[in-house]
Amino acid sequence: MTLEKAQRLLQLTHQLAEALMTAAICADEIRSVVHAELDGHGTVHRGQDTGCSVPSSISARPLVDDSTLTVSWAGKTCYLGCTVLFRLAERLSRRPNQYITPDQLLRDVWDGDCKSPNTIRSAVRNLRQRLINAEMDDLAVAI
């Protein structure tokens, strides 16, 4: 590979990273607007002729975004990064208000590498604290 090609690829990588960041920011803003509409009206209509709508119960679910590694709730966003806390939040959000056995959590979040229920307690405590720090107290309490 020539130096010119390497420099061009580096330039394209920077442009792509900037475009992806811009897209993530736009998606977060759109998400905030949708959440505000859901909270204010109970239902968001997608089209007059289709009659298709999103029920207000959707607003009761946190949005876990794999692309930005964040959890969004009630117009607030908490960055968790590529961590156990993110995997835990993602796993819990798949089936809200349903019991998940410790064995399921160990298998799904820790890939079966961890054997101690104390690890789960510690991760839940840390996730709650991160959410509280992001002013998502009601979501933290729900975990």
C-alpha atoms as a PDB file:
ATOM      1  CA  MET A   1       0.000   0.000   0.000  1.00  0.00           C
ATOM      2  CA  THR A   2       1.322   3.372  -0.937  1.00  0.00           C
ATOM      3  CA  LEU A   3       1.569   6.270   1.459  1.00  0.00           C
ATOM      4  CA  GLU A   4      -1.043   8.183  -0.567  1.00  0.00           C
ATOM      5  CA  LYS A   5      -3.539   5.328  -0.312  1.00  0.00           C
ATOM      6  CA  ALA A   6      -2.943   4.999   3.424  1.00  0.00           C
ATOM      7  CA  GLN A   7      -3.463   8.737   3.931  1.00  0.00           C
ATOM      8  CA  ARG A   8      -6.648   8.648   1.835  1.00  0.00           C
ATOM      9  CA  LEU A   9      -7.991   5.702   3.842  1.00  0.00           C
ATOM     10  CA  LEU A  10      -7.192   7.535   7.073  1.00  0.00           C
ATOM     11  CA  GLN A  11      -9.007  10.624   5.772  1.00  0.00           C
ATOM     12  CA  LEU A  12     -12.043   8.519   4.802  1.00  0.00           C
ATOM     13  CA  THR A  13     -12.011   6.864   8.227  1.00  0.00           C
ATOM     14  CA  HIS A  14     -12.157  10.259   9.935  1.00  0.00           C
ATOM     15  CA  GLN A  15     -14.995  11.383   7.650  1.00  0.00           C
ATOM     16  CA  LEU A  16     -16.929   8.199   8.336  1.00  0.00           C
ATOM     17  CA  ALA A  17     -16.426   8.532  12.089  1.00  0.00           C
ATOM     18  CA  GLU A  18     -17.682  12.123  11.950  1.00  0.00           C
ATOM     19  CA  ALA A  19     -20.722  11.103   9.884  1.00  0.00           C
ATOM     20  CA  LEU A  20     -21.559   8.293  12.303  1.00  0.00           C
ATOM     21  CA  MET A  21     -21.279  10.640  15.271  1.00  0.00           C
ATOM     22  CA  THR A  22     -23.557  13.144  13.555  1.00  0.00           C
ATOM     23  CA  ALA A  23     -26.061  10.363  12.803  1.00  0.00           C
ATOM     24  CA  ALA A  24     -25.981   9.230  16.446  1.00  0.00           C
ATOM     25  CA  ILE A  25     -26.615  12.786  17.647  1.00  0.00           C
ATOM     26  CA  CYS A  26     -29.516  13.158  15.202  1.00  0.00           C
ATOM     27  CA  ALA A  27     -30.981   9.808  16.268  1.00  0.00           C
ATOM     28  CA  ASP A  28     -30.765  10.847  19.916  1.00  0.00           C
ATOM     29  CA  GLU A  29     -32.569  14.117  19.166  1.00  0.00           C
ATOM     30  CA  ILE A  30     -35.296  12.297  17.219  1.00  0.00           C
ATOM     31  CA  ARG A  31     -35.652   9.824  20.091  1.00  0.00           C
ATOM     32  CA  SER A  32     -36.054  12.686  22.571  1.00  0.00           C
ATOM     33  CA  VAL A  33     -38.766  14.290  20.451  1.00  0.00           C
ATOM     34  CA  VAL A  34     -40.643  10.983  20.138  1.00  0.00           C
ATOM     35  CA  HIS A  35     -40.390  10.359  23.891  1.00  0.00           C
ATOM     36  CA  ALA A  36     -41.665  13.874  24.603  1.00  0.00           C
ATOM     37  CA  GLU A  37     -44.606  13.299  22.262  1.00  0.00           C
ATOM     38  CA  LEU A  38     -45.379   9.941  23.866  1.00  0.00           C
ATOM     39  CA  ASP A  39     -45.217  11.430  27.354  1.00  0.00           C
ATOM     40  CA  GLY A  40     -47.381  14.390  26.392  1.00  0.00           C
ATOM     41  CA  HIS A  41     -50.074  12.724  24.321  1.00  0.00           C
ATOM     42  CA  GLY A  42     -50.074   9.030  25.165  1.00  0.00           C
ATOM     43  CA  THR A  43     -50.047   8.054  21.480  1.00  0.00           C
ATOM     44  CA  VAL A  44     -48.085   9.060  18.424  1.00  0.00           C
ATOM     45  CA  HIS A  45     -49.954   8.612  15.139  1.00  0.00           C
ATOM     46  CA  ARG A  46     -47.841   7.491  12.215  1.00  0.00           C
ATOM     47  CA  GLY A  47     -50.361   8.150   9.504  1.00  0.00           C
ATOM     48  CA  GLN A  48     -53.919   9.314   9.241  1.00  0.00           C
ATOM     49  CA  ASP A  49     -54.898   6.800   6.574  1.00  0.00           C
ATOM     50  CA  THR A  50     -53.296   3.708   8.152  1.00  0.00           C
ATOM     51  CA  GLY A  51     -54.603   4.142  11.672  1.00  0.00           C
ATOM     52  CA  CYS A  52     -51.302   2.765  12.904  1.00  0.00           C
ATOM     53  CA  SER A  53     -50.148   4.141  16.248  1.00  0.00           C
ATOM     54  CA  VAL A  54     -47.639   3.545  18.988  1.00  0.00           C
ATOM     55  CA  PRO A  55     -49.265   2.941  22.374  1.00  0.00           C
ATOM     56  CA  SER A  56     -48.223   4.987  25.372  1.00  0.00           C
ATOM     57  CA  SER A  57     -46.919   1.839  27.103  1.00  0.00           C
ATOM     58  CA  ILE A  58     -43.843   2.083  24.840  1.00  0.00           C
ATOM     59  CA  SER A  59     -42.793   5.181  26.769  1.00  0.00           C
ATOM     60  CA  ALA A  60     -42.531   2.988  29.858  1.00  0.00           C
ATOM     61  CA  ARG A  61     -39.634   1.052  28.295  1.00  0.00           C
ATOM     62  CA  PRO A  62     -36.088   2.359  28.293  1.00  0.00           C
ATOM     63  CA  LEU A  63     -34.372   2.549  24.949  1.00  0.00           C
ATOM     64  CA  VAL A  64     -31.072   0.683  24.873  1.00  0.00           C
ATOM     65  CA  ASP A  65     -29.095   1.788  21.831  1.00  0.00           C
ATOM     66  CA  ASP A  66     -26.423  -0.639  20.612  1.00  0.00           C
ATOM     67  CA  SER A  67     -24.973   1.918  18.210  1.00  0.00           C
ATOM     68  CA  THR A  68     -24.197   4.520  20.895  1.00  0.00           C
ATOM     69  CA  LEU A  69     -23.995   2.140  23.891  1.00  0.00           C
ATOM     70  CA  THR A  70     -26.503   4.264  25.790  1.00  0.00           C
ATOM     71  CA  VAL A  71     -29.738   3.896  27.709  1.00  0.00           C
ATOM     72  CA  SER A  72     -32.375   6.594  27.151  1.00  0.00           C
ATOM     73  CA  TRP A  73     -35.294   7.217  29.469  1.00  0.00           C
ATOM     74  CA  ALA A  74     -37.690  10.131  29.854  1.00  0.00           C
ATOM     75  CA  GLY A  75     -35.602  12.424  27.657  1.00  0.00           C
ATOM     76  CA  LYS A  76     -32.315  11.636  29.428  1.00  0.00           C
ATOM     77  CA  THR A  77     -29.432   9.526  28.159  1.00  0.00           C
ATOM     78  CA  CYS A  78     -26.831   7.544  30.086  1.00  0.00           C
ATOM     79  CA  TYR A  79     -23.690   6.386  28.303  1.00  0.00           C
ATOM     80  CA  LEU A  80     -22.638   2.949  29.570  1.00  0.00           C
ATOM     81  CA  GLY A  81     -20.010   2.064  26.975  1.00  0.00           C
ATOM     82  CA  CYS A  82     -19.061  -1.441  25.960  1.00  0.00           C
ATOM     83  CA  THR A  83     -19.324  -2.813  29.480  1.00  0.00           C
ATOM     84  CA  VAL A  84     -21.057  -5.459  31.540  1.00  0.00           C
ATOM     85  CA  LEU A  85     -23.423  -2.710  32.688  1.00  0.00           C
ATOM     86  CA  PHE A  86     -24.522  -2.096  29.087  1.00  0.00           C
ATOM     87  CA  ARG A  87     -25.008  -5.818  28.436  1.00  0.00           C
ATOM     88  CA  LEU A  88     -27.005  -6.084  31.671  1.00  0.00           C
ATOM     89  CA  ALA A  89     -29.229  -3.116  30.754  1.00  0.00           C
ATOM     90  CA  GLU A  90     -29.735  -4.539  27.265  1.00  0.00           C
ATOM     91  CA  ARG A  91     -30.674  -7.970  28.648  1.00  0.00           C
ATOM     92  CA  LEU A  92     -33.084  -6.539  31.221  1.00  0.00           C
ATOM     93  CA  SER A  93     -34.765  -4.315  28.633  1.00  0.00           C
ATOM     94  CA  ARG A  94     -35.550  -7.233  26.326  1.00  0.00           C
ATOM     95  CA  ARG A  95     -38.316  -8.423  28.650  1.00  0.00           C
ATOM     96  CA  PRO A  96     -39.251  -5.665  31.080  1.00  0.00           C
ATOM     97  CA  ASN A  97     -41.255  -6.582  34.187  1.00  0.00           C
ATOM     98  CA  GLN A  98     -40.412 -10.262  33.847  1.00  0.00           C
ATOM     99  CA  TYR A  99     -38.327 -12.312  36.241  1.00  0.00           C
ATOM    100  CA  ILE A 100     -34.960 -13.432  34.914  1.00  0.00           C
ATOM    101  CA  THR A 101     -33.177 -16.184  36.806  1.00  0.00           C
ATOM    102  CA  PRO A 102     -29.619 -15.578  37.999  1.00  0.00           C
ATOM    103  CA  ASP A 103     -28.488 -18.470  35.784  1.00  0.00           C
ATOM    104  CA  GLN A 104     -30.023 -16.768  32.736  1.00  0.00           C
ATOM    105  CA  LEU A 105     -28.275 -13.489  33.575  1.00  0.00           C
ATOM    106  CA  LEU A 106     -24.935 -15.210  34.113  1.00  0.00           C
ATOM    107  CA  ARG A 107     -25.310 -17.003  30.801  1.00  0.00           C
ATOM    108  CA  ASP A 108     -26.580 -14.015  28.783  1.00  0.00           C
ATOM    109  CA  VAL A 109     -24.545 -11.161  30.269  1.00  0.00           C
ATOM    110  CA  TRP A 110     -21.356 -12.890  31.363  1.00  0.00           C
ATOM    111  CA  ASP A 111     -21.409 -15.670  28.736  1.00  0.00           C
ATOM    112  CA  GLY A 112     -21.343 -18.222  31.560  1.00  0.00           C
ATOM    113  CA  ASP A 113     -17.823 -17.141  32.581  1.00  0.00           C
ATOM    114  CA  CYS A 114     -18.929 -15.943  35.999  1.00  0.00           C
ATOM    115  CA  LYS A 115     -20.398 -18.243  38.639  1.00  0.00           C
ATOM    116  CA  SER A 116     -21.152 -15.946  41.561  1.00  0.00           C
ATOM    117  CA  PRO A 117     -24.556 -14.378  42.274  1.00  0.00           C
ATOM    118  CA  ASN A 118     -22.599 -11.655  44.101  1.00  0.00           C
ATOM    119  CA  THR A 119     -21.352 -10.537  40.691  1.00  0.00           C
ATOM    120  CA  ILE A 120     -24.949  -9.957  39.611  1.00  0.00           C
ATOM    121  CA  ARG A 121     -25.732  -7.986  42.774  1.00  0.00           C
ATOM    122  CA  SER A 122     -22.660  -5.831  42.281  1.00  0.00           C
ATOM    123  CA  ALA A 123     -23.440  -5.149  38.614  1.00  0.00           C
ATOM    124  CA  VAL A 124     -27.073  -4.271  39.391  1.00  0.00           C
ATOM    125  CA  ARG A 125     -25.940  -1.917  42.157  1.00  0.00           C
ATOM    126  CA  ASN A 126     -23.446  -0.248  39.798  1.00  0.00           C
ATOM    127  CA  LEU A 127     -26.024   0.027  36.991  1.00  0.00           C
ATOM    128  CA  ARG A 128     -28.523   1.623  39.367  1.00  0.00           C
ATOM    129  CA  GLN A 129     -25.901   4.118  40.530  1.00  0.00           C
ATOM    130  CA  ARG A 130     -24.977   5.068  36.959  1.00  0.00           C
ATOM    131  CA  LEU A 131     -28.655   5.618  36.136  1.00  0.00           C
ATOM    132  CA  ILE A 132     -29.153   7.711  39.284  1.00  0.00           C
ATOM    133  CA  ASN A 133     -26.113   9.800  38.333  1.00  0.00           C
ATOM    134  CA  ALA A 134     -27.779  10.373  34.946  1.00  0.00           C
ATOM    135  CA  GLU A 135     -30.944  11.557  36.744  1.00  0.00           C
ATOM    136  CA  MET A 136     -32.909   8.410  35.873  1.00  0.00           C
ATOM    137  CA  ASP A 137     -33.867   7.583  39.458  1.00  0.00           C
ATOM    138  CA  ASP A 138     -37.227   6.025  38.568  1.00  0.00           C
ATOM    139  CA  LEU A 139     -35.587   3.668  36.057  1.00  0.00           C
ATOM    140  CA  ALA A 140     -32.916   2.719  38.594  1.00  0.00           C
ATOM    141  CA  VAL A 141     -35.591   1.860  41.147  1.00  0.00           C
ATOM    142  CA  ALA A 142     -37.405  -0.307  38.580  1.00  0.00           C
ATOM    143  CA  ILE A 143     -34.404  -2.625  38.213  1.00  0.00           C
END
